[in-house]
Amino acid sequence: MADETLTLSEMEGTNNEAPKDAPIATIDDLGAVYGIPVEVSAVLGKATMQVSSLLKLGRGAVIELDRKVGEAIDIYVNNRLVARGEVVVVEDRLGITMTEIIKTEK
């Protein structure tokens, strides 16, 4: 994989063609960004409620989310939707597996 070559537009996730004289970057050129921490969040679903309802919740209360059982969850990196996936169990912890990568146009 170290010899894989990417154009700058491919690294940015755009579908635009790179100009013929555009510099070519390799995976080795990206080494500087490997150590940058990012926040990964997996959102099972969302719910909206009034503060008064929220304050009435107690132990064992159930909040109905806007997703159905088996529906894909949203995976965010630094608050940006990047993928959808499924919840998995890894030994005694929860994890996520990506089933769809979301490409966004800028």
Protein backbone atom coordinates (compact mmCIF):
# COMPACT_ATOMS: atom_id res chain seq x y z
CA MET A 1 0.00 0.00 0.00
CA ALA A 2 2.99 2.32 0.47
CA ASP A 3 3.38 2.65 -3.30
CA GLU A 4 -0.25 3.73 -3.88
CA THR A 5 -0.45 7.16 -5.56
CA LEU A 6 -3.26 9.67 -5.00
CA THR A 7 -3.93 12.97 -6.73
CA LEU A 8 -4.70 15.97 -4.54
CA SER A 9 -8.35 15.98 -5.64
CA GLU A 10 -8.71 12.32 -4.61
CA MET A 11 -7.30 13.10 -1.15
CA GLU A 12 -9.84 15.94 -0.76
CA GLY A 13 -12.65 13.54 -1.66
CA THR A 14 -13.81 15.49 -4.73
CA ASN A 15 -14.78 14.04 -8.06
CA ASN A 16 -13.10 16.84 -10.06
CA GLU A 17 -10.30 15.91 -12.41
CA ALA A 18 -6.86 17.09 -11.28
CA PRO A 19 -5.06 19.45 -13.65
CA LYS A 20 -2.39 17.71 -15.72
CA ASP A 21 0.39 19.66 -13.97
CA ALA A 22 -0.98 19.02 -10.43
CA PRO A 23 1.54 17.61 -7.97
CA ILE A 24 1.22 13.91 -7.21
CA ALA A 25 1.12 12.95 -3.52
CA THR A 26 1.88 9.48 -2.23
CA ILE A 27 0.73 7.77 0.95
CA ASP A 28 4.19 8.45 2.43
CA ASP A 29 3.57 12.20 2.00
CA LEU A 30 0.60 11.94 4.37
CA GLY A 31 2.74 10.78 7.32
CA ALA A 32 2.48 14.18 8.99
CA VAL A 33 -1.29 13.84 9.46
CA TYR A 34 -1.29 10.29 10.87
CA GLY A 35 -0.80 11.54 14.45
CA ILE A 36 -3.61 14.12 14.42
CA PRO A 37 -6.37 13.07 16.83
CA VAL A 38 -9.97 13.07 15.61
CA GLU A 39 -13.23 12.49 17.48
CA VAL A 40 -15.32 9.60 16.15
CA SER A 41 -19.00 9.44 17.15
CA ALA A 42 -21.62 6.81 16.36
CA VAL A 43 -25.19 8.09 16.56
CA LEU A 44 -27.80 5.40 17.16
CA GLY A 45 -30.66 7.84 16.71
CA LYS A 46 -32.12 11.12 17.89
CA ALA A 47 -35.10 12.26 19.91
CA THR A 48 -36.64 15.65 20.64
CA MET A 49 -38.38 16.41 23.92
CA GLN A 50 -39.23 19.31 26.17
CA VAL A 51 -37.08 20.06 29.18
CA SER A 52 -40.03 19.26 31.46
CA SER A 53 -40.23 15.75 29.98
CA LEU A 54 -36.49 15.32 30.26
CA LEU A 55 -36.57 16.24 33.96
CA LYS A 56 -39.27 13.62 34.62
CA LEU A 57 -37.09 10.78 33.33
CA GLY A 58 -35.81 8.40 35.93
CA ARG A 59 -33.80 5.20 36.13
CA GLY A 60 -35.07 2.65 33.61
CA ALA A 61 -36.88 5.24 31.47
CA VAL A 62 -36.95 4.51 27.76
CA ILE A 63 -36.45 7.25 25.16
CA GLU A 64 -37.76 6.34 21.72
CA LEU A 65 -35.30 7.21 18.95
CA ASP A 66 -36.01 8.05 15.32
CA ARG A 67 -34.43 4.82 14.01
CA LYS A 68 -35.79 1.35 13.48
CA VAL A 69 -34.12 -1.85 14.65
CA GLY A 70 -31.49 -2.91 12.12
CA GLU A 71 -31.31 0.51 10.47
CA ALA A 72 -27.80 1.87 9.86
CA ILE A 73 -26.26 4.23 12.40
CA ASP A 74 -24.52 7.48 11.47
CA ILE A 75 -20.75 7.71 11.97
CA TYR A 76 -19.28 11.18 12.42
CA VAL A 77 -15.63 12.28 12.44
CA ASN A 78 -15.18 15.71 14.02
CA ASN A 79 -18.95 16.33 13.76
CA ARG A 80 -18.97 15.57 10.02
CA LEU A 81 -21.00 12.64 8.67
CA VAL A 82 -18.52 10.31 6.96
CA ALA A 83 -20.14 6.86 7.00
CA ARG A 84 -23.03 4.65 8.03
CA GLY A 85 -22.62 1.34 9.75
CA GLU A 86 -23.73 -1.27 12.25
CA VAL A 87 -23.09 -1.84 15.93
CA VAL A 88 -20.93 -4.90 16.68
CA VAL A 89 -19.71 -6.53 19.88
CA VAL A 90 -15.94 -6.96 20.20
CA GLU A 91 -15.19 -9.14 23.26
CA ASP A 92 -16.89 -7.15 26.05
CA ARG A 93 -17.07 -3.79 24.24
CA LEU A 94 -19.29 -2.19 21.62
CA GLY A 95 -17.84 -1.25 18.27
CA ILE A 96 -18.96 -0.14 14.84
CA THR A 97 -18.40 -1.54 11.39
CA MET A 98 -18.70 0.79 8.41
CA THR A 99 -21.06 -0.43 5.71
CA GLU A 100 -21.27 2.75 3.61
CA ILE A 101 -18.84 5.63 3.12
CA ILE A 102 -20.48 9.03 2.58
CA LYS A 103 -18.80 11.26 -0.02
CA THR A 104 -19.69 14.93 0.30
CA GLU A 105 -19.32 17.56 -2.38
CA LYS A 106 -17.79 20.88 -1.33
